[in-house]
């Protein structure tokens, strides 16, 4: 399969980095897959099949069969490290994002609050207060866009982590039929 992955990638005129970006993995992961160290998980094969517009049987080679599942110790260590040391930092990060979202909502809502006070409470504002309200509004809109982009990227990376790395602790080795 390792030769097939590289041959098909070169036929499609793609670099390892382009394939890695499409699958949300590192370039080194694609290189390891092409060298069968370890072979890609089945979900990655499905995504590679869609990316290359080739059948999975062509990618893995039709005359191969699974002979043994092996433990990938480095993947196990990496997953344990991520789960027990890095993921606990995910919750404070999400809390921070929620606090920023709250501040953004205050910034976006500030001009509307001043408008309410002006219309219904007959309160006059100085020019500086009006300018401040528009600055807060602009910062709130900008902050909304930043939080959206960060949240989207975070979701994308978590999704690819779950999709590929959970299944990579045990990997399969292949040999041609008849051996």
N, C-alpha and C. Protein backbone atom coordinates (compact mmCIF):
# COMPACT_ATOMS: atom_id res chain seq x y z
N UNK A 1 0.82 -1.19 0.00
CA UNK A 1 0.00 0.00 0.00
C UNK A 1 0.86 1.26 0.00
N UNK A 2 2.01 1.20 0.70
CA UNK A 2 2.83 2.39 0.81
C UNK A 2 3.25 2.92 -0.56
N UNK A 3 3.59 2.00 -1.48
CA UNK A 3 3.95 2.44 -2.83
C UNK A 3 2.74 3.02 -3.54
N UNK A 4 1.58 2.41 -3.35
CA UNK A 4 0.37 2.91 -3.99
C UNK A 4 0.04 4.33 -3.53
N UNK A 5 0.16 4.60 -2.25
CA UNK A 5 -0.15 5.94 -1.75
C UNK A 5 0.73 6.99 -2.41
N UNK A 6 2.01 6.71 -2.50
CA UNK A 6 2.93 7.68 -3.10
C UNK A 6 2.69 7.80 -4.60
N UNK A 7 2.49 6.67 -5.28
CA UNK A 7 2.27 6.69 -6.73
C UNK A 7 1.01 7.47 -7.07
N UNK A 8 -0.07 7.20 -6.35
CA UNK A 8 -1.33 7.89 -6.63
C UNK A 8 -1.20 9.38 -6.33
N UNK A 9 -0.53 9.72 -5.23
CA UNK A 9 -0.35 11.14 -4.89
C UNK A 9 0.43 11.86 -5.98
N UNK A 10 1.48 11.21 -6.49
CA UNK A 10 2.27 11.82 -7.55
C UNK A 10 1.48 11.90 -8.86
N UNK A 11 0.64 10.89 -9.14
CA UNK A 11 -0.21 10.94 -10.33
C UNK A 11 -1.16 12.13 -10.28
N UNK A 12 -1.65 12.44 -9.09
CA UNK A 12 -2.59 13.55 -8.92
C UNK A 12 -1.86 14.88 -8.78
N UNK A 13 -0.52 14.84 -8.85
CA UNK A 13 0.33 16.02 -8.77
C UNK A 13 0.08 16.81 -7.49
N UNK A 14 0.03 16.08 -6.38
CA UNK A 14 -0.15 16.69 -5.07
C UNK A 14 1.12 16.51 -4.25
N UNK A 15 1.40 17.46 -3.40
CA UNK A 15 2.53 17.31 -2.47
C UNK A 15 2.01 16.68 -1.18
N UNK A 16 2.95 16.20 -0.38
CA UNK A 16 2.56 15.65 0.92
C UNK A 16 1.89 16.71 1.77
N UNK A 17 2.36 17.95 1.67
CA UNK A 17 1.78 19.04 2.46
C UNK A 17 0.34 19.32 2.03
N UNK A 18 0.06 19.27 0.74
CA UNK A 18 -1.31 19.49 0.26
C UNK A 18 -2.25 18.39 0.75
N UNK A 19 -1.77 17.16 0.72
CA UNK A 19 -2.58 16.04 1.24
C UNK A 19 -2.79 16.21 2.74
N UNK A 20 -1.73 16.57 3.45
CA UNK A 20 -1.83 16.77 4.91
C UNK A 20 -2.82 17.87 5.24
N UNK A 21 -2.77 18.98 4.51
CA UNK A 21 -3.71 20.07 4.76
C UNK A 21 -5.14 19.66 4.50
N UNK A 22 -5.37 18.84 3.48
CA UNK A 22 -6.72 18.39 3.16
C UNK A 22 -7.28 17.47 4.24
N UNK A 23 -6.41 16.69 4.87
CA UNK A 23 -6.85 15.73 5.88
C UNK A 23 -6.67 16.23 7.31
N UNK A 24 -6.13 17.44 7.47
CA UNK A 24 -5.88 18.01 8.80
C UNK A 24 -4.92 17.16 9.62
N UNK A 25 -3.87 16.70 8.99
CA UNK A 25 -2.80 15.98 9.68
C UNK A 25 -1.49 16.66 9.31
N UNK A 26 -0.40 16.20 9.90
CA UNK A 26 0.89 16.80 9.57
C UNK A 26 1.47 16.14 8.31
N UNK A 27 2.44 16.82 7.72
CA UNK A 27 3.10 16.28 6.54
C UNK A 27 3.85 15.00 6.92
N UNK A 28 4.39 14.96 8.14
CA UNK A 28 5.10 13.77 8.60
C UNK A 28 4.18 12.57 8.69
N UNK A 29 2.92 12.79 9.05
CA UNK A 29 1.96 11.69 9.11
C UNK A 29 1.76 11.10 7.73
N UNK A 30 1.61 11.95 6.72
CA UNK A 30 1.45 11.46 5.35
C UNK A 30 2.70 10.70 4.92
N UNK A 31 3.87 11.21 5.28
CA UNK A 31 5.11 10.53 4.95
C UNK A 31 5.18 9.15 5.61
N UNK A 32 4.77 9.08 6.88
CA UNK A 32 4.76 7.79 7.57
C UNK A 32 3.79 6.82 6.90
N UNK A 33 2.63 7.31 6.50
CA UNK A 33 1.66 6.44 5.81
C UNK A 33 2.24 5.91 4.51
N UNK A 34 2.96 6.77 3.79
CA UNK A 34 3.54 6.34 2.51
C UNK A 34 4.67 5.34 2.73
N UNK A 35 5.28 5.35 3.90
CA UNK A 35 6.35 4.40 4.21
C UNK A 35 5.86 3.24 5.08
N UNK A 36 4.55 3.17 5.30
CA UNK A 36 3.91 2.11 6.09
C UNK A 36 4.44 2.06 7.52
N UNK A 37 4.58 3.22 8.14
CA UNK A 37 5.08 3.29 9.52
C UNK A 37 4.17 4.15 10.37
N UNK A 38 3.06 3.87 10.80
CA UNK A 38 2.19 2.74 10.48
C UNK A 38 1.33 3.06 9.26
N UNK A 39 0.55 2.09 8.88
CA UNK A 39 -0.39 2.29 7.79
C UNK A 39 -1.52 3.19 8.26
N UNK A 40 -2.15 3.91 7.34
CA UNK A 40 -3.23 4.82 7.76
C UNK A 40 -4.45 4.05 8.26
N UNK A 41 -5.18 4.63 9.21
CA UNK A 41 -6.42 3.99 9.66
C UNK A 41 -7.45 3.99 8.53
N UNK A 42 -8.46 3.16 8.66
CA UNK A 42 -9.45 2.99 7.60
C UNK A 42 -10.16 4.29 7.28
N UNK A 43 -10.42 5.11 8.30
CA UNK A 43 -11.09 6.39 8.04
C UNK A 43 -10.21 7.30 7.19
N UNK A 44 -8.91 7.24 7.40
CA UNK A 44 -7.99 8.03 6.58
C UNK A 44 -7.99 7.50 5.15
N UNK A 45 -8.09 6.17 5.00
CA UNK A 45 -8.15 5.60 3.65
C UNK A 45 -9.40 6.07 2.91
N UNK A 46 -10.50 6.17 3.62
CA UNK A 46 -11.74 6.67 3.00
C UNK A 46 -11.53 8.11 2.54
N UNK A 47 -10.92 8.94 3.39
CA UNK A 47 -10.68 10.33 3.01
C UNK A 47 -9.66 10.44 1.87
N UNK A 48 -8.63 9.60 1.90
CA UNK A 48 -7.66 9.59 0.80
C UNK A 48 -8.33 9.17 -0.50
N UNK A 49 -9.22 8.19 -0.42
CA UNK A 49 -9.95 7.74 -1.59
C UNK A 49 -10.77 8.87 -2.20
N UNK A 50 -11.42 9.65 -1.35
CA UNK A 50 -12.21 10.79 -1.84
C UNK A 50 -11.30 11.88 -2.40
N UNK A 51 -10.19 12.14 -1.72
CA UNK A 51 -9.27 13.18 -2.17
C UNK A 51 -8.65 12.84 -3.52
N UNK A 52 -8.21 11.59 -3.67
CA UNK A 52 -7.56 11.16 -4.90
C UNK A 52 -8.56 10.77 -5.98
N UNK A 53 -9.83 10.62 -5.60
CA UNK A 53 -10.87 10.14 -6.52
C UNK A 53 -10.50 8.76 -7.08
N UNK A 54 -10.06 7.91 -6.18
CA UNK A 54 -9.67 6.54 -6.51
C UNK A 54 -10.40 5.59 -5.56
N UNK A 55 -10.51 4.34 -5.97
CA UNK A 55 -11.15 3.35 -5.10
C UNK A 55 -10.19 2.96 -3.98
N UNK A 56 -10.76 2.55 -2.88
CA UNK A 56 -9.93 2.11 -1.75
C UNK A 56 -9.14 0.87 -2.13
N UNK A 57 -9.74 0.01 -2.96
CA UNK A 57 -9.02 -1.21 -3.36
C UNK A 57 -7.77 -0.87 -4.16
N UNK A 58 -7.79 0.20 -4.96
CA UNK A 58 -6.58 0.59 -5.69
C UNK A 58 -5.54 1.15 -4.72
N UNK A 59 -6.00 1.88 -3.73
CA UNK A 59 -5.07 2.46 -2.77
C UNK A 59 -4.36 1.38 -1.96
N UNK A 60 -5.11 0.40 -1.47
CA UNK A 60 -4.48 -0.62 -0.62
C UNK A 60 -3.90 -1.77 -1.43
N UNK A 61 -4.26 -1.90 -2.68
CA UNK A 61 -3.80 -3.03 -3.48
C UNK A 61 -4.77 -4.17 -3.28
N UNK A 62 -5.31 -4.70 -4.35
CA UNK A 62 -6.38 -5.69 -4.24
C UNK A 62 -5.89 -7.04 -3.73
N UNK A 63 -4.61 -7.31 -3.81
CA UNK A 63 -4.13 -8.63 -3.41
C UNK A 63 -3.51 -8.63 -2.01
N UNK A 64 -4.01 -7.78 -1.15
CA UNK A 64 -3.44 -7.73 0.20
C UNK A 64 -4.48 -8.16 1.22
N UNK A 65 -3.98 -8.65 2.34
CA UNK A 65 -4.88 -9.02 3.43
C UNK A 65 -4.23 -8.65 4.75
N UNK A 66 -5.05 -8.46 5.76
CA UNK A 66 -4.55 -8.12 7.09
C UNK A 66 -4.00 -9.38 7.73
N UNK A 67 -2.78 -9.30 8.26
CA UNK A 67 -2.26 -10.47 8.96
C UNK A 67 -2.23 -10.28 10.47
N UNK A 68 -2.09 -9.05 10.94
CA UNK A 68 -1.91 -8.89 12.37
C UNK A 68 -2.17 -7.44 12.76
N UNK A 69 -2.76 -7.29 13.93
CA UNK A 69 -2.89 -5.95 14.49
C UNK A 69 -1.76 -5.76 15.48
N UNK A 70 -1.12 -4.60 15.41
CA UNK A 70 0.00 -4.32 16.30
C UNK A 70 -0.30 -3.07 17.12
N UNK A 71 0.30 -3.03 18.29
CA UNK A 71 0.16 -1.87 19.17
C UNK A 71 1.17 -0.82 18.75
N UNK A 72 0.70 0.39 18.51
CA UNK A 72 1.58 1.51 18.21
C UNK A 72 1.83 2.24 19.53
N UNK A 73 2.94 1.94 20.16
CA UNK A 73 3.25 2.46 21.49
C UNK A 73 3.34 3.99 21.49
N UNK A 74 3.94 4.58 20.47
CA UNK A 74 4.07 6.03 20.44
C UNK A 74 2.70 6.70 20.32
N UNK A 75 1.79 6.11 19.56
CA UNK A 75 0.44 6.67 19.46
C UNK A 75 -0.28 6.57 20.80
N UNK A 76 -0.07 5.47 21.51
CA UNK A 76 -0.67 5.32 22.83
C UNK A 76 -0.13 6.37 23.80
N UNK A 77 1.19 6.55 23.80
CA UNK A 77 1.80 7.57 24.68
C UNK A 77 1.31 8.96 24.29
N UNK A 78 1.25 9.23 23.00
CA UNK A 78 0.76 10.53 22.54
C UNK A 78 -0.68 10.78 22.94
N UNK A 79 -1.52 9.77 22.80
CA UNK A 79 -2.92 9.94 23.15
C UNK A 79 -3.08 10.14 24.65
N UNK A 80 -2.34 9.37 25.45
CA UNK A 80 -2.41 9.55 26.90
C UNK A 80 -1.92 10.94 27.30
N UNK A 81 -0.84 11.39 26.67
CA UNK A 81 -0.32 12.72 26.95
C UNK A 81 -1.36 13.78 26.61
N UNK A 82 -1.97 13.65 25.46
CA UNK A 82 -2.98 14.62 25.05
C UNK A 82 -4.17 14.58 25.98
N UNK A 83 -4.64 13.39 26.28
CA UNK A 83 -5.85 13.26 27.09
C UNK A 83 -5.65 13.73 28.52
N UNK A 84 -4.48 13.48 29.10
CA UNK A 84 -4.29 13.78 30.51
C UNK A 84 -3.55 15.08 30.79
N UNK A 85 -2.85 15.62 29.81
CA UNK A 85 -2.10 16.84 30.06
C UNK A 85 -2.58 18.02 29.23
N UNK A 86 -2.99 17.79 28.00
CA UNK A 86 -3.38 18.91 27.14
C UNK A 86 -4.87 19.19 27.17
N UNK A 87 -5.69 18.16 27.19
CA UNK A 87 -7.14 18.37 27.18
C UNK A 87 -7.61 19.12 28.42
N UNK A 88 -7.01 18.92 29.62
CA UNK A 88 -7.44 19.75 30.75
C UNK A 88 -7.27 21.25 30.50
N UNK A 89 -6.36 21.62 29.60
CA UNK A 89 -6.21 23.03 29.26
C UNK A 89 -7.29 23.48 28.28
N UNK A 90 -7.99 22.53 27.69
CA UNK A 90 -9.04 22.87 26.74
C UNK A 90 -10.21 23.55 27.44
N UNK A 91 -10.57 23.08 28.63
CA UNK A 91 -11.70 23.67 29.34
C UNK A 91 -11.43 25.11 29.78
N UNK A 92 -10.25 25.43 30.32
CA UNK A 92 -9.98 26.85 30.58
C UNK A 92 -9.98 27.69 29.31
N UNK A 93 -9.51 27.11 28.20
CA UNK A 93 -9.52 27.84 26.94
C UNK A 93 -10.94 28.15 26.51
N UNK A 94 -11.82 27.16 26.64
CA UNK A 94 -13.22 27.37 26.28
C UNK A 94 -13.84 28.41 27.22
N UNK A 95 -13.50 28.37 28.50
CA UNK A 95 -14.00 29.37 29.45
C UNK A 95 -13.53 30.76 29.05
N UNK A 96 -12.26 30.86 28.66
CA UNK A 96 -11.72 32.15 28.22
C UNK A 96 -12.48 32.65 27.00
N UNK A 97 -12.74 31.76 26.05
CA UNK A 97 -13.48 32.15 24.85
C UNK A 97 -14.88 32.62 25.22
N UNK A 98 -15.52 31.94 26.17
CA UNK A 98 -16.86 32.36 26.58
C UNK A 98 -16.84 33.73 27.25
N UNK A 99 -15.80 34.01 28.05
CA UNK A 99 -15.68 35.34 28.66
C UNK A 99 -15.48 36.40 27.58
N UNK A 100 -14.64 36.09 26.59
CA UNK A 100 -14.43 37.03 25.49
C UNK A 100 -15.74 37.25 24.73
N UNK A 101 -16.51 36.19 24.53
CA UNK A 101 -17.81 36.33 23.85
C UNK A 101 -18.72 37.23 24.66
N UNK A 102 -18.72 37.09 25.98
CA UNK A 102 -19.54 37.95 26.83
C UNK A 102 -19.11 39.41 26.67
N UNK A 103 -17.80 39.66 26.68
CA UNK A 103 -17.31 41.02 26.49
C UNK A 103 -17.68 41.55 25.11
N UNK A 104 -17.65 40.68 24.11
CA UNK A 104 -18.04 41.08 22.76
C UNK A 104 -19.51 41.48 22.74
N UNK A 105 -20.35 40.68 23.40
CA UNK A 105 -21.77 41.01 23.45
C UNK A 105 -22.01 42.35 24.13
N UNK A 106 -21.26 42.62 25.20
CA UNK A 106 -21.38 43.91 25.86
C UNK A 106 -20.95 45.03 24.90
N UNK A 107 -19.84 44.81 24.19
CA UNK A 107 -19.37 45.82 23.24
C UNK A 107 -20.35 46.07 22.12
N UNK A 108 -20.93 45.01 21.60
CA UNK A 108 -21.90 45.16 20.50
C UNK A 108 -23.19 45.78 21.03
N UNK A 109 -23.58 45.45 22.24
CA UNK A 109 -24.84 45.97 22.79
C UNK A 109 -24.74 47.37 23.35
N UNK A 110 -23.53 47.87 23.59
CA UNK A 110 -23.35 49.18 24.21
C UNK A 110 -24.01 50.31 23.42
N UNK A 111 -23.83 50.41 22.10
CA UNK A 111 -24.50 51.50 21.37
C UNK A 111 -26.03 51.40 21.44
N UNK A 112 -26.54 50.19 21.46
CA UNK A 112 -27.99 50.03 21.53
C UNK A 112 -28.51 50.47 22.90
N UNK A 113 -27.73 50.23 23.95
CA UNK A 113 -28.11 50.69 25.29
C UNK A 113 -28.12 52.22 25.33
N UNK A 114 -27.11 52.83 24.74
CA UNK A 114 -27.07 54.29 24.69
C UNK A 114 -28.23 54.84 23.86
N UNK A 115 -28.57 54.16 22.78
CA UNK A 115 -29.70 54.59 21.97
C UNK A 115 -30.99 54.50 22.78
N UNK A 116 -31.16 53.45 23.55
CA UNK A 116 -32.34 53.30 24.41
C UNK A 116 -32.40 54.45 25.42
N UNK A 117 -31.27 54.74 26.06
CA UNK A 117 -31.25 55.83 27.04
C UNK A 117 -31.56 57.17 26.38
N UNK A 118 -31.07 57.37 25.17
CA UNK A 118 -31.30 58.63 24.47
C UNK A 118 -32.77 58.79 24.09
N UNK A 119 -33.39 57.72 23.59
CA UNK A 119 -34.78 57.81 23.11
C UNK A 119 -35.77 57.81 24.27
N UNK A 120 -35.64 56.87 25.19
CA UNK A 120 -36.67 56.69 26.21
C UNK A 120 -36.39 57.43 27.51
N UNK A 121 -35.14 57.64 27.84
CA UNK A 121 -34.80 58.31 29.10
C UNK A 121 -34.43 59.77 28.89
N UNK A 122 -34.38 60.21 27.63
CA UNK A 122 -34.05 61.60 27.28
C UNK A 122 -32.70 62.02 27.86
N UNK A 123 -31.74 61.10 27.83
CA UNK A 123 -30.41 61.41 28.35
C UNK A 123 -29.53 61.85 27.19
N UNK A 124 -28.82 62.95 27.36
CA UNK A 124 -27.92 63.44 26.32
C UNK A 124 -26.52 62.89 26.55
N UNK A 125 -25.81 62.66 25.46
CA UNK A 125 -24.45 62.13 25.53
C UNK A 125 -23.50 63.09 24.85
N UNK A 126 -22.26 63.10 25.35
CA UNK A 126 -21.24 63.93 24.71
C UNK A 126 -20.77 63.23 23.43
N UNK A 127 -20.08 63.98 22.61
CA UNK A 127 -19.56 63.42 21.35
C UNK A 127 -18.60 62.28 21.63
N UNK A 128 -17.80 62.41 22.68
CA UNK A 128 -16.83 61.37 23.01
C UNK A 128 -17.53 60.07 23.41
N UNK A 129 -18.62 60.17 24.14
CA UNK A 129 -19.37 58.97 24.53
C UNK A 129 -19.97 58.28 23.31
N UNK A 130 -20.43 59.05 22.36
CA UNK A 130 -20.99 58.46 21.13
C UNK A 130 -19.89 57.78 20.32
N UNK A 131 -18.74 58.44 20.20
CA UNK A 131 -17.61 57.84 19.48
C UNK A 131 -17.17 56.56 20.19
N UNK A 132 -17.10 56.60 21.52
CA UNK A 132 -16.73 55.40 22.28
C UNK A 132 -17.69 54.24 22.00
N UNK A 133 -18.97 54.54 21.93
CA UNK A 133 -19.94 53.47 21.69
C UNK A 133 -19.73 52.82 20.32
N UNK A 134 -19.39 53.62 19.31
CA UNK A 134 -19.13 53.03 18.00
C UNK A 134 -17.81 52.26 17.97
N UNK A 135 -16.83 52.72 18.73
CA UNK A 135 -15.57 51.97 18.83
C UNK A 135 -15.82 50.62 19.50
N UNK A 136 -16.58 50.61 20.59
CA UNK A 136 -16.92 49.35 21.26
C UNK A 136 -17.69 48.43 20.33
N UNK A 137 -18.59 49.01 19.57
CA UNK A 137 -19.38 48.21 18.62
C UNK A 137 -18.46 47.57 17.58
N UNK A 138 -17.54 48.36 17.02
CA UNK A 138 -16.60 47.83 16.03
C UNK A 138 -15.70 46.75 16.61
N UNK A 139 -15.21 46.98 17.84
CA UNK A 139 -14.38 45.97 18.49
C UNK A 139 -15.19 44.71 18.77
N UNK A 140 -16.45 44.88 19.12
CA UNK A 140 -17.31 43.72 19.35
C UNK A 140 -17.51 42.89 18.10
N UNK A 141 -17.75 43.56 16.98
CA UNK A 141 -17.91 42.85 15.70
C UNK A 141 -16.61 42.15 15.31
N UNK A 142 -15.49 42.86 15.44
CA UNK A 142 -14.18 42.26 15.12
C UNK A 142 -13.91 41.07 16.03
N UNK A 143 -14.19 41.21 17.32
CA UNK A 143 -14.00 40.10 18.25
C UNK A 143 -14.87 38.91 17.91
N UNK A 144 -16.09 39.17 17.44
CA UNK A 144 -16.98 38.08 17.03
C UNK A 144 -16.35 37.28 15.89
N UNK A 145 -15.79 37.99 14.92
CA UNK A 145 -15.16 37.30 13.79
C UNK A 145 -13.94 36.49 14.25
N UNK A 146 -13.14 37.06 15.15
CA UNK A 146 -11.95 36.35 15.64
C UNK A 146 -12.35 35.09 16.40
N UNK A 147 -13.33 35.21 17.29
CA UNK A 147 -13.78 34.04 18.05
C UNK A 147 -14.35 32.98 17.12
N UNK A 148 -15.08 33.39 16.09
CA UNK A 148 -15.65 32.44 15.13
C UNK A 148 -14.54 31.66 14.42
N UNK A 149 -13.51 32.36 13.96
CA UNK A 149 -12.41 31.70 13.25
C UNK A 149 -11.66 30.75 14.19
N UNK A 150 -11.38 31.19 15.41
CA UNK A 150 -10.67 30.34 16.37
C UNK A 150 -11.50 29.11 16.70
N UNK A 151 -12.78 29.29 16.95
CA UNK A 151 -13.66 28.18 17.30
C UNK A 151 -13.75 27.18 16.15
N UNK A 152 -13.84 27.69 14.91
CA UNK A 152 -13.93 26.81 13.74
C UNK A 152 -12.66 25.97 13.60
N UNK A 153 -11.49 26.61 13.75
CA UNK A 153 -10.23 25.86 13.66
C UNK A 153 -10.09 24.85 14.79
N UNK A 154 -10.47 25.23 16.00
CA UNK A 154 -10.40 24.32 17.14
C UNK A 154 -11.29 23.11 16.90
N UNK A 155 -12.49 23.33 16.42
CA UNK A 155 -13.40 22.23 16.13
C UNK A 155 -12.83 21.32 15.04
N UNK A 156 -12.23 21.92 14.02
CA UNK A 156 -11.66 21.15 12.92
C UNK A 156 -10.53 20.24 13.42
N UNK A 157 -9.65 20.77 14.27
CA UNK A 157 -8.54 19.97 14.78
C UNK A 157 -8.99 18.90 15.74
N UNK A 158 -9.96 19.20 16.58
CA UNK A 158 -10.48 18.18 17.50
C UNK A 158 -11.14 17.07 16.71
N UNK A 159 -11.89 17.43 15.67
CA UNK A 159 -12.56 16.43 14.84
C UNK A 159 -11.53 15.52 14.16
N UNK A 160 -10.46 16.10 13.61
CA UNK A 160 -9.45 15.26 12.95
C UNK A 160 -8.68 14.42 13.97
N UNK A 161 -8.47 14.94 15.17
CA UNK A 161 -7.82 14.15 16.22
C UNK A 161 -8.64 12.92 16.54
N UNK A 162 -9.91 13.13 16.76
CA UNK A 162 -10.77 12.00 17.10
C UNK A 162 -10.85 11.03 15.93
N UNK A 163 -10.94 11.55 14.71
CA UNK A 163 -11.13 10.70 13.54
C UNK A 163 -9.93 9.80 13.26
N UNK A 164 -8.72 10.33 13.37
CA UNK A 164 -7.54 9.56 12.97
C UNK A 164 -6.77 8.95 14.14
N UNK A 165 -6.56 9.69 15.18
CA UNK A 165 -5.63 9.25 16.21
C UNK A 165 -6.18 8.21 17.16
N UNK A 166 -7.47 8.21 17.39
CA UNK A 166 -8.03 7.20 18.28
C UNK A 166 -7.84 5.81 17.67
N UNK A 167 -8.00 5.70 16.36
CA UNK A 167 -7.86 4.41 15.71
C UNK A 167 -6.41 4.03 15.41
N UNK A 168 -5.47 4.92 15.68
CA UNK A 168 -4.09 4.61 15.31
C UNK A 168 -3.31 3.92 16.42
N UNK A 169 -3.91 3.67 17.56
CA UNK A 169 -3.19 2.96 18.62
C UNK A 169 -2.91 1.53 18.17
N UNK A 170 -3.89 0.90 17.56
CA UNK A 170 -3.67 -0.41 16.96
C UNK A 170 -3.67 -0.23 15.46
N UNK A 171 -2.63 -0.70 14.81
CA UNK A 171 -2.60 -0.58 13.36
C UNK A 171 -2.45 -1.97 12.75
N UNK A 172 -2.79 -2.04 11.48
CA UNK A 172 -2.82 -3.33 10.79
C UNK A 172 -1.63 -3.45 9.86
N UNK A 173 -1.07 -4.64 9.78
CA UNK A 173 -0.01 -4.90 8.82
C UNK A 173 -0.57 -5.75 7.70
N UNK A 174 -0.07 -5.55 6.51
CA UNK A 174 -0.60 -6.22 5.32
C UNK A 174 0.51 -7.01 4.63
N UNK A 175 0.11 -8.11 4.02
CA UNK A 175 1.02 -8.87 3.17
C UNK A 175 0.24 -9.31 1.94
N UNK A 176 0.91 -9.59 0.84
CA UNK A 176 0.20 -10.10 -0.33
C UNK A 176 -0.41 -11.47 -0.05
N UNK A 177 -1.48 -11.80 -0.76
CA UNK A 177 -2.09 -13.12 -0.63
C UNK A 177 -1.08 -14.19 -1.03
N UNK A 178 -1.17 -15.32 -0.36
CA UNK A 178 -0.33 -16.46 -0.73
C UNK A 178 1.00 -16.51 -0.02
N UNK A 179 1.30 -15.57 0.82
CA UNK A 179 2.58 -15.61 1.55
C UNK A 179 2.37 -16.13 2.93
